Amino acid sequence: MSKSDKVKEEIAYLKFWLGVMVVTDISLVGWLVSSAGSAPAHQVVGALVAVVVITVTGFAVHRRVERLIDALEEL
């Protein structure tokens, strides 16, 4: 497998997980908006922490994909 093919596969793999993170993030935010008032406080806090962690991790994955795409131009 050539180096460019390997980088393309890594980009595809990271894009899949980025999509999973985005869908999970959107779902958690939707749940927070719709039921934050009626949910127990520990669930709301847990959901808020999860949103922050998933958002930051998603941003990091996005940056990694950008760097890999830039590196792919040089191959």
C-alpha atoms as a PDB file:
ATOM      1  CA  MET A   1       0.000   0.000   0.000  1.00  0.00           C
ATOM      2  CA  SER A   2       1.430   3.362  -0.937  1.00  0.00           C
ATOM      3  CA  LYS A   3       1.867   6.112   1.612  1.00  0.00           C
ATOM      4  CA  SER A   4      -0.818   8.273  -0.004  1.00  0.00           C
ATOM      5  CA  ASP A   5      -3.305   5.380   0.111  1.00  0.00           C
ATOM      6  CA  LYS A   6      -2.534   4.868   3.785  1.00  0.00           C
ATOM      7  CA  VAL A   7      -3.114   8.563   4.519  1.00  0.00           C
ATOM      8  CA  LYS A   8      -6.397   8.466   2.578  1.00  0.00           C
ATOM      9  CA  GLU A   9      -7.561   5.487   4.623  1.00  0.00           C
ATOM     10  CA  GLU A  10      -6.660   7.249   7.864  1.00  0.00           C
ATOM     11  CA  ILE A  11      -8.588  10.329   6.736  1.00  0.00           C
ATOM     12  CA  ALA A  12     -11.639   8.198   5.909  1.00  0.00           C
ATOM     13  CA  TYR A  13     -11.434   6.469   9.297  1.00  0.00           C
ATOM     14  CA  LEU A  14     -11.155   9.778  11.164  1.00  0.00           C
ATOM     15  CA  LYS A  15     -14.021  11.264   9.150  1.00  0.00           C
ATOM     16  CA  PHE A  16     -16.230   8.369  10.212  1.00  0.00           C
ATOM     17  CA  TRP A  17     -15.482   8.972  13.891  1.00  0.00           C
ATOM     18  CA  LEU A  18     -15.891  12.715  13.432  1.00  0.00           C
ATOM     19  CA  GLY A  19     -19.368  12.044  12.067  1.00  0.00           C
ATOM     20  CA  VAL A  20     -20.184   9.847  15.055  1.00  0.00           C
ATOM     21  CA  MET A  21     -19.029  12.617  17.391  1.00  0.00           C
ATOM     22  CA  VAL A  22     -21.083  15.273  15.601  1.00  0.00           C
ATOM     23  CA  VAL A  23     -24.256  13.178  15.716  1.00  0.00           C
ATOM     24  CA  THR A  24     -23.690  12.351  19.387  1.00  0.00           C
ATOM     25  CA  ASP A  25     -23.010  16.001  20.196  1.00  0.00           C
ATOM     26  CA  ILE A  26     -26.156  17.173  18.409  1.00  0.00           C
ATOM     27  CA  SER A  27     -28.225  14.507  20.148  1.00  0.00           C
ATOM     28  CA  LEU A  28     -26.916  15.464  23.583  1.00  0.00           C
ATOM     29  CA  VAL A  29     -27.545  19.155  22.983  1.00  0.00           C
ATOM     30  CA  GLY A  30     -31.066  18.343  21.784  1.00  0.00           C
ATOM     31  CA  TRP A  31     -31.684  16.268  24.892  1.00  0.00           C
ATOM     32  CA  LEU A  32     -30.387  19.097  27.084  1.00  0.00           C
ATOM     33  CA  VAL A  33     -32.655  21.625  25.403  1.00  0.00           C
ATOM     34  CA  SER A  34     -35.738  19.435  25.613  1.00  0.00           C
ATOM     35  CA  SER A  35     -35.424  17.944  29.080  1.00  0.00           C
ATOM     36  CA  ALA A  36     -32.863  19.823  31.141  1.00  0.00           C
ATOM     37  CA  GLY A  37     -35.593  21.220  33.381  1.00  0.00           C
ATOM     38  CA  SER A  38     -37.095  17.862  34.265  1.00  0.00           C
ATOM     39  CA  ALA A  39     -33.927  15.741  34.439  1.00  0.00           C
ATOM     40  CA  PRO A  40     -31.970  15.171  37.651  1.00  0.00           C
ATOM     41  CA  ALA A  41     -29.083  17.555  38.175  1.00  0.00           C
ATOM     42  CA  HIS A  42     -26.417  14.847  37.904  1.00  0.00           C
ATOM     43  CA  GLN A  43     -27.695  13.843  34.452  1.00  0.00           C
ATOM     44  CA  VAL A  44     -27.647  17.435  33.241  1.00  0.00           C
ATOM     45  CA  VAL A  45     -24.121  17.964  34.565  1.00  0.00           C
ATOM     46  CA  GLY A  46     -22.998  14.695  32.994  1.00  0.00           C
ATOM     47  CA  ALA A  47     -24.520  15.672  29.663  1.00  0.00           C
ATOM     48  CA  LEU A  48     -22.868  19.092  29.790  1.00  0.00           C
ATOM     49  CA  VAL A  49     -19.487  17.516  30.519  1.00  0.00           C
ATOM     50  CA  ALA A  50     -20.022  15.034  27.691  1.00  0.00           C
ATOM     51  CA  VAL A  51     -20.919  17.837  25.261  1.00  0.00           C
ATOM     52  CA  VAL A  52     -17.756  19.744  26.159  1.00  0.00           C
ATOM     53  CA  VAL A  53     -15.530  16.657  25.886  1.00  0.00           C
ATOM     54  CA  ILE A  54     -17.068  15.493  22.602  1.00  0.00           C
ATOM     55  CA  THR A  55     -16.906  18.996  21.107  1.00  0.00           C
ATOM     56  CA  VAL A  56     -13.236  19.455  22.024  1.00  0.00           C
ATOM     57  CA  THR A  57     -12.358  15.959  20.822  1.00  0.00           C
ATOM     58  CA  GLY A  58     -14.261  16.518  17.586  1.00  0.00           C
ATOM     59  CA  PHE A  59     -12.369  19.736  17.001  1.00  0.00           C
ATOM     60  CA  ALA A  60      -9.071  17.910  17.581  1.00  0.00           C
ATOM     61  CA  VAL A  61     -10.056  15.185  15.107  1.00  0.00           C
ATOM     62  CA  HIS A  62     -11.050  17.854  12.589  1.00  0.00           C
ATOM     63  CA  ARG A  63      -7.656  19.540  12.945  1.00  0.00           C
ATOM     64  CA  ARG A  64      -5.926  16.167  12.459  1.00  0.00           C
ATOM     65  CA  VAL A  65      -7.900  15.540   9.265  1.00  0.00           C
ATOM     66  CA  GLU A  66      -6.913  18.998   7.996  1.00  0.00           C
ATOM     67  CA  ARG A  67      -3.239  18.285   8.690  1.00  0.00           C
ATOM     68  CA  LEU A  68      -3.449  14.924   6.947  1.00  0.00           C
ATOM     69  CA  ILE A  69      -5.072  16.522   3.911  1.00  0.00           C
ATOM     70  CA  ASP A  70      -2.318  19.130   3.806  1.00  0.00           C
ATOM     71  CA  ALA A  71       0.282  16.359   4.105  1.00  0.00           C
ATOM     72  CA  LEU A  72      -1.449  14.475   1.291  1.00  0.00           C
ATOM     73  CA  GLU A  73      -0.798  17.398  -1.064  1.00  0.00           C
ATOM     74  CA  GLU A  74       2.920  16.936  -0.534  1.00  0.00           C
ATOM     75  CA  LEU A  75       2.910  13.203  -1.383  1.00  0.00           C
END
